N, C-alpha and C. Protein backbone atom coordinates (compact mmCIF):
# COMPACT_ATOMS: atom_id res chain seq x y z
N GLN A 1 71.45 -33.43 -4.68
CA GLN A 1 69.93 -34.02 -4.62
C GLN A 1 68.28 -33.19 -4.81
N VAL A 2 68.55 -31.75 -5.12
CA VAL A 2 67.31 -31.40 -5.44
C VAL A 2 68.08 -30.33 -6.52
N GLN A 3 66.99 -30.22 -7.54
CA GLN A 3 67.61 -29.29 -8.81
C GLN A 3 66.67 -28.56 -9.66
N LEU A 4 66.81 -27.69 -10.28
CA LEU A 4 65.46 -27.02 -11.01
C LEU A 4 66.01 -27.02 -11.89
N VAL A 5 65.34 -26.99 -13.32
CA VAL A 5 65.29 -26.76 -14.55
C VAL A 5 64.40 -26.03 -15.08
N GLU A 6 64.70 -24.82 -15.94
CA GLU A 6 64.16 -23.86 -16.65
C GLU A 6 63.80 -24.43 -18.06
N SER A 7 62.80 -24.04 -18.38
CA SER A 7 62.42 -23.73 -19.71
C SER A 7 61.51 -22.63 -20.52
N GLY A 8 61.66 -22.53 -21.37
CA GLY A 8 61.24 -21.34 -22.04
C GLY A 8 61.21 -20.30 -22.88
N GLY A 9 62.72 -19.93 -22.80
CA GLY A 9 63.41 -18.98 -22.86
C GLY A 9 63.41 -18.94 -24.48
N GLY A 10 63.90 -17.96 -25.13
CA GLY A 10 63.96 -17.70 -26.40
C GLY A 10 64.22 -16.57 -27.07
N LEU A 11 64.03 -16.36 -28.66
CA LEU A 11 64.10 -14.60 -29.18
C LEU A 11 62.65 -14.75 -29.39
N VAL A 12 62.06 -13.16 -29.19
CA VAL A 12 60.59 -12.66 -29.22
C VAL A 12 60.82 -11.53 -29.73
N GLN A 13 59.92 -10.79 -30.42
CA GLN A 13 59.80 -9.90 -30.86
C GLN A 13 59.22 -8.53 -29.78
N PRO A 14 60.19 -7.24 -30.00
CA PRO A 14 59.39 -6.11 -28.90
C PRO A 14 57.79 -6.33 -28.75
N GLY A 15 57.08 -6.50 -27.65
CA GLY A 15 55.60 -6.20 -27.37
C GLY A 15 55.19 -7.44 -27.47
N GLY A 16 56.11 -8.52 -27.83
CA GLY A 16 55.62 -10.46 -27.59
C GLY A 16 55.60 -10.60 -26.01
N SER A 17 55.37 -12.09 -25.99
CA SER A 17 55.28 -12.67 -24.86
C SER A 17 55.92 -13.78 -25.14
N LEU A 18 56.66 -14.01 -23.37
CA LEU A 18 57.03 -15.55 -23.20
C LEU A 18 56.77 -16.16 -22.11
N ARG A 19 56.58 -17.96 -21.74
CA ARG A 19 56.21 -17.98 -20.40
C ARG A 19 57.48 -18.82 -19.91
N LEU A 20 57.94 -18.83 -19.12
CA LEU A 20 59.23 -19.42 -18.37
C LEU A 20 58.65 -20.13 -17.45
N SER A 21 59.15 -21.56 -17.40
CA SER A 21 58.56 -22.53 -16.43
C SER A 21 60.06 -22.92 -15.59
N CYS A 22 59.97 -23.45 -14.47
CA CYS A 22 61.08 -24.05 -13.53
C CYS A 22 60.63 -25.05 -12.98
N ALA A 23 61.08 -26.24 -13.10
CA ALA A 23 60.55 -27.59 -12.26
C ALA A 23 61.42 -28.04 -11.45
N ALA A 24 61.09 -28.49 -9.98
CA ALA A 24 61.91 -28.85 -9.14
C ALA A 24 61.77 -29.91 -8.74
N SER A 25 62.87 -30.78 -8.84
CA SER A 25 62.92 -32.27 -8.40
C SER A 25 63.96 -32.72 -7.44
N GLY A 26 63.74 -34.06 -6.85
CA GLY A 26 64.84 -34.30 -6.05
C GLY A 26 64.17 -34.85 -4.71
N ARG A 27 64.82 -35.08 -3.82
CA ARG A 27 64.32 -35.66 -2.48
C ARG A 27 63.86 -34.29 -1.62
N ILE A 28 62.64 -33.95 -2.11
CA ILE A 28 62.00 -32.50 -1.69
C ILE A 28 61.48 -32.78 -0.52
N PHE A 29 61.06 -32.27 0.37
CA PHE A 29 60.20 -31.93 1.64
C PHE A 29 59.58 -30.80 1.70
N SER A 30 59.68 -29.37 1.73
CA SER A 30 59.04 -28.72 1.36
C SER A 30 59.71 -27.55 0.56
N ILE A 31 59.30 -26.68 -0.52
CA ILE A 31 59.66 -25.57 -1.03
C ILE A 31 58.95 -24.53 -0.52
N TYR A 32 59.98 -23.44 -0.03
CA TYR A 32 59.84 -22.18 0.57
C TYR A 32 59.34 -21.14 -0.82
N ASP A 33 60.38 -19.89 -0.40
CA ASP A 33 60.48 -19.28 -1.77
C ASP A 33 60.83 -19.62 -2.86
N MET A 34 60.37 -18.99 -3.80
CA MET A 34 60.84 -19.24 -5.00
C MET A 34 60.85 -17.79 -6.11
N GLY A 35 61.64 -17.89 -6.98
CA GLY A 35 61.72 -16.67 -7.45
C GLY A 35 62.42 -16.83 -9.04
N TRP A 36 62.73 -15.75 -9.49
CA TRP A 36 63.13 -15.66 -10.80
C TRP A 36 63.92 -14.53 -10.52
N TYR A 37 65.27 -14.35 -11.08
CA TYR A 37 66.48 -13.31 -11.61
C TYR A 37 66.54 -13.33 -12.76
N ARG A 38 67.11 -12.34 -13.13
CA ARG A 38 68.03 -12.30 -14.51
C ARG A 38 69.38 -11.21 -14.50
N GLN A 39 70.32 -11.75 -15.31
CA GLN A 39 71.23 -11.05 -15.58
C GLN A 39 71.66 -10.71 -17.04
N ALA A 40 71.96 -9.14 -17.41
CA ALA A 40 72.29 -9.04 -18.45
C ALA A 40 73.69 -8.99 -19.15
N PRO A 41 73.88 -9.15 -20.02
CA PRO A 41 75.42 -8.93 -20.35
C PRO A 41 76.07 -7.40 -19.71
N GLY A 42 77.14 -7.64 -18.88
CA GLY A 42 77.49 -6.82 -17.96
C GLY A 42 77.22 -5.98 -16.89
N LYS A 43 76.20 -6.63 -16.58
CA LYS A 43 75.12 -6.07 -15.04
C LYS A 43 75.15 -7.32 -14.26
N GLN A 44 74.90 -6.78 -13.10
CA GLN A 44 74.82 -7.69 -11.65
C GLN A 44 73.17 -8.53 -12.14
N ARG A 45 73.20 -9.85 -11.37
CA ARG A 45 72.27 -10.37 -11.40
C ARG A 45 71.12 -9.55 -10.70
N GLU A 46 69.82 -9.61 -10.87
CA GLU A 46 69.07 -8.89 -10.45
C GLU A 46 67.46 -9.64 -9.92
N LEU A 47 66.80 -9.29 -8.93
CA LEU A 47 65.64 -9.84 -8.67
C LEU A 47 64.59 -9.54 -9.46
N VAL A 48 63.92 -10.77 -10.43
CA VAL A 48 62.82 -10.40 -11.32
C VAL A 48 61.22 -9.98 -10.48
N ALA A 49 60.94 -11.34 -9.78
CA ALA A 49 60.01 -11.65 -9.27
C ALA A 49 59.99 -12.59 -8.13
N ALA A 50 59.36 -12.81 -7.14
CA ALA A 50 59.52 -13.76 -6.05
C ALA A 50 58.08 -14.36 -5.59
N ILE A 51 58.05 -15.56 -5.15
CA ILE A 51 56.54 -15.46 -4.49
C ILE A 51 56.83 -16.74 -3.74
N THR A 52 56.01 -16.28 -2.71
CA THR A 52 56.46 -17.13 -1.24
C THR A 52 55.52 -18.86 -1.19
N SER A 53 55.88 -19.41 -0.37
CA SER A 53 54.93 -21.03 -0.74
C SER A 53 53.58 -20.32 -0.50
N GLY A 54 53.08 -19.28 0.28
CA GLY A 54 51.67 -18.94 0.40
C GLY A 54 50.71 -18.03 -0.95
N GLY A 55 51.89 -17.67 -1.61
CA GLY A 55 51.19 -17.23 -2.87
C GLY A 55 51.42 -15.36 -2.94
N ALA A 56 52.49 -15.00 -1.79
CA ALA A 56 52.25 -13.31 -1.87
C ALA A 56 53.43 -13.45 -2.76
N THR A 57 53.69 -11.77 -3.24
CA THR A 57 54.19 -11.74 -4.66
C THR A 57 54.99 -10.65 -4.34
N ASN A 58 56.32 -10.22 -5.19
CA ASN A 58 56.91 -9.12 -5.18
C ASN A 58 57.60 -9.21 -6.13
N TYR A 59 57.43 -8.07 -7.10
CA TYR A 59 58.55 -7.41 -8.32
C TYR A 59 59.18 -6.32 -8.25
N THR A 60 59.98 -6.62 -8.99
CA THR A 60 60.88 -5.30 -9.54
C THR A 60 59.99 -4.03 -10.33
N ASP A 61 60.21 -2.99 -9.98
CA ASP A 61 59.82 -2.01 -10.70
C ASP A 61 59.64 -1.88 -11.94
N SER A 62 60.69 -2.36 -12.71
CA SER A 62 60.53 -2.08 -14.10
C SER A 62 59.78 -3.39 -14.76
N VAL A 63 59.29 -4.45 -14.37
CA VAL A 63 58.22 -5.51 -14.76
C VAL A 63 56.96 -5.45 -14.07
N LYS A 64 56.75 -4.47 -13.35
CA LYS A 64 55.13 -4.64 -12.47
C LYS A 64 54.21 -4.16 -13.85
N GLY A 65 52.81 -5.03 -13.66
CA GLY A 65 52.31 -4.85 -14.74
C GLY A 65 52.62 -5.71 -15.92
N ARG A 66 53.59 -6.10 -16.05
CA ARG A 66 54.07 -6.83 -17.42
C ARG A 66 54.40 -8.14 -16.95
N PHE A 67 55.13 -8.79 -15.96
CA PHE A 67 55.13 -9.72 -15.97
C PHE A 67 54.19 -10.65 -14.54
N THR A 68 54.21 -11.73 -14.67
CA THR A 68 53.27 -12.41 -13.49
C THR A 68 54.04 -13.65 -13.20
N ILE A 69 54.36 -13.74 -11.81
CA ILE A 69 54.96 -14.85 -11.52
C ILE A 69 53.88 -15.94 -10.64
N SER A 70 53.64 -17.35 -10.90
CA SER A 70 52.83 -18.01 -10.40
C SER A 70 53.50 -19.39 -9.93
N ARG A 71 53.02 -20.18 -8.85
CA ARG A 71 53.49 -21.29 -8.88
C ARG A 71 52.33 -22.16 -8.51
N ASP A 72 52.85 -23.48 -9.28
CA ASP A 72 52.25 -24.91 -9.04
C ASP A 72 52.49 -25.74 -7.87
N ASN A 73 52.04 -25.48 -6.62
CA ASN A 73 53.05 -26.29 -5.74
C ASN A 73 52.62 -28.01 -5.51
N ALA A 74 51.77 -28.50 -6.55
CA ALA A 74 51.57 -29.79 -6.85
C ALA A 74 52.73 -30.50 -7.47
N LYS A 75 52.76 -29.62 -8.32
CA LYS A 75 53.97 -29.69 -9.57
C LYS A 75 55.41 -29.32 -9.11
N ASN A 76 55.75 -28.58 -8.33
CA ASN A 76 56.75 -28.34 -7.42
C ASN A 76 57.48 -27.54 -8.95
N THR A 77 56.51 -26.36 -9.14
CA THR A 77 56.86 -25.52 -10.68
C THR A 77 56.27 -24.29 -10.23
N VAL A 78 57.45 -23.10 -10.98
CA VAL A 78 57.19 -21.87 -10.97
C VAL A 78 57.23 -21.60 -12.16
N TYR A 79 56.52 -20.38 -12.20
CA TYR A 79 56.40 -19.82 -13.64
C TYR A 79 56.57 -18.44 -13.67
N LEU A 80 57.02 -18.29 -14.73
CA LEU A 80 57.15 -16.62 -14.95
C LEU A 80 56.60 -15.93 -16.21
N GLN A 81 55.34 -15.25 -16.31
CA GLN A 81 54.38 -15.16 -17.72
C GLN A 81 54.92 -13.81 -17.95
N MET A 82 55.84 -13.26 -19.47
CA MET A 82 56.40 -12.12 -19.32
C MET A 82 55.36 -11.57 -20.67
N ASN A 83 54.97 -10.71 -20.13
CA ASN A 83 54.10 -9.75 -21.52
C ASN A 83 55.08 -8.72 -22.10
N SER A 84 54.39 -7.85 -22.97
CA SER A 84 54.83 -6.45 -23.42
C SER A 84 56.24 -6.68 -23.36
N LEU A 85 57.43 -7.42 -23.78
CA LEU A 85 58.83 -7.52 -23.50
C LEU A 85 59.09 -6.44 -24.18
N LYS A 86 60.16 -6.01 -23.39
CA LYS A 86 61.21 -4.75 -24.28
C LYS A 86 62.45 -5.36 -24.22
N PRO A 87 63.25 -4.82 -25.33
CA PRO A 87 64.71 -5.22 -25.43
C PRO A 87 65.56 -4.73 -24.33
N GLU A 88 65.18 -4.12 -23.29
CA GLU A 88 65.99 -3.80 -22.20
C GLU A 88 65.77 -5.41 -21.06
N ASP A 89 64.82 -6.25 -21.45
CA ASP A 89 64.52 -7.49 -20.65
C ASP A 89 65.39 -8.56 -21.04
N THR A 90 66.46 -8.26 -21.98
CA THR A 90 67.18 -9.55 -22.74
C THR A 90 67.93 -9.66 -21.46
N ALA A 91 68.11 -11.00 -21.35
CA ALA A 91 69.14 -11.50 -20.20
C ALA A 91 68.92 -12.92 -20.24
N VAL A 92 69.73 -13.65 -19.17
CA VAL A 92 69.73 -14.65 -18.67
C VAL A 92 68.90 -14.99 -17.74
N TYR A 93 67.89 -15.38 -17.80
CA TYR A 93 66.74 -15.63 -16.31
C TYR A 93 66.80 -17.12 -15.69
N TYR A 94 66.97 -16.85 -14.38
CA TYR A 94 67.51 -17.88 -13.66
C TYR A 94 66.44 -18.42 -12.56
N CYS A 95 65.67 -19.39 -12.50
CA CYS A 95 65.24 -19.69 -11.17
C CYS A 95 65.94 -19.99 -9.83
N ASN A 96 65.05 -19.53 -8.78
CA ASN A 96 65.79 -19.87 -7.18
C ASN A 96 64.63 -20.38 -6.53
N ALA A 97 65.24 -21.22 -5.91
CA ALA A 97 63.99 -21.90 -4.84
C ALA A 97 65.00 -21.91 -3.47
N VAL A 98 64.32 -21.81 -2.14
CA VAL A 98 64.60 -22.35 -1.03
C VAL A 98 63.90 -23.68 -0.78
N PHE A 99 64.86 -24.32 -0.39
CA PHE A 99 64.25 -26.04 -0.04
C PHE A 99 64.32 -26.53 1.21
N GLU A 100 63.63 -27.15 1.71
CA GLU A 100 63.81 -28.32 2.81
C GLU A 100 64.11 -29.78 2.01
N THR A 101 64.94 -30.28 2.24
CA THR A 101 65.13 -31.59 1.95
C THR A 101 64.90 -33.08 2.84
N MET A 102 64.53 -34.14 1.77
CA MET A 102 64.25 -35.38 3.21
C MET A 102 65.30 -35.77 3.56
N THR A 103 66.34 -35.38 2.92
CA THR A 103 67.82 -35.70 3.50
C THR A 103 68.06 -34.93 4.87
N PHE A 104 68.18 -33.67 4.90
CA PHE A 104 68.39 -32.90 6.16
C PHE A 104 67.17 -32.16 6.30
N PRO A 105 66.12 -32.72 6.95
CA PRO A 105 65.19 -32.13 7.20
C PRO A 105 64.99 -31.27 8.54
N GLY A 106 65.27 -29.81 8.63
CA GLY A 106 65.11 -29.14 9.31
C GLY A 106 66.09 -27.99 9.04
N LYS A 107 66.74 -28.33 7.89
CA LYS A 107 67.65 -27.45 7.03
C LYS A 107 67.00 -26.86 6.10
N TYR A 108 67.76 -25.55 5.65
CA TYR A 108 67.52 -24.60 4.41
C TYR A 108 68.66 -24.92 3.27
N LEU A 109 67.93 -25.39 1.96
CA LEU A 109 69.23 -25.15 0.96
C LEU A 109 68.38 -24.21 -0.10
N GLU A 110 69.64 -23.51 -0.60
CA GLU A 110 69.37 -22.46 -1.40
C GLU A 110 69.70 -23.15 -2.82
N VAL A 111 68.83 -23.41 -3.87
CA VAL A 111 69.22 -23.81 -5.18
C VAL A 111 68.84 -22.71 -6.31
N TRP A 112 69.93 -22.99 -7.56
CA TRP A 112 70.00 -22.00 -8.43
C TRP A 112 69.86 -23.04 -9.72
N GLY A 113 68.93 -22.59 -10.70
CA GLY A 113 68.80 -23.48 -12.27
C GLY A 113 69.93 -23.18 -12.80
N GLN A 114 69.90 -23.58 -13.95
CA GLN A 114 71.16 -23.39 -14.87
C GLN A 114 70.76 -22.30 -15.55
N GLY A 115 69.41 -21.56 -16.22
CA GLY A 115 69.65 -20.51 -16.50
C GLY A 115 68.67 -20.72 -17.94
N THR A 116 68.15 -19.62 -18.51
CA THR A 116 67.59 -19.63 -19.74
C THR A 116 67.41 -18.53 -20.49
N LEU A 117 67.80 -18.12 -21.55
CA LEU A 117 68.32 -16.84 -22.46
C LEU A 117 66.75 -16.41 -23.08
N VAL A 118 66.65 -15.54 -22.69
CA VAL A 118 65.44 -14.48 -23.20
C VAL A 118 66.02 -13.79 -24.05
N THR A 119 65.99 -13.51 -25.27
CA THR A 119 66.57 -12.22 -26.29
C THR A 119 65.05 -11.59 -26.86
N VAL A 120 65.27 -10.29 -26.60
CA VAL A 120 64.07 -9.14 -27.42
C VAL A 120 64.65 -8.48 -28.18
N SER A 121 64.00 -8.80 -29.56
CA SER A 121 64.83 -8.10 -30.47
C SER A 121 64.17 -8.33 -31.98
N SER A 122 63.86 -7.38 -32.72
CA SER A 122 63.06 -7.43 -34.07
C SER A 122 64.22 -7.56 -34.86
């Protein structure tokens, strides 16, 4: 009933930039926290950055000063601007959001996107 679709991944050289987008669609009443996670080969999925409905943000230490999370509530979209990319940023990046839907008002639903691959390599 609700889904997240990511875009913007790809291959980039070290020091380069990418911008990920994640658009929510469906019978949405409200979107609460939104975030980006990543999972590198052989590693656990980790939180990269998160943003509340009010715009408060938090980042994992390894991306502070390089990545910026933002959201456009009118478009139900969250972004991740990634600058000064490093090979260790290579991973599948997943969008995550907590919704209240029109179908089940008053209940929270956590949804994941399908993931987009970011490869940082020369």
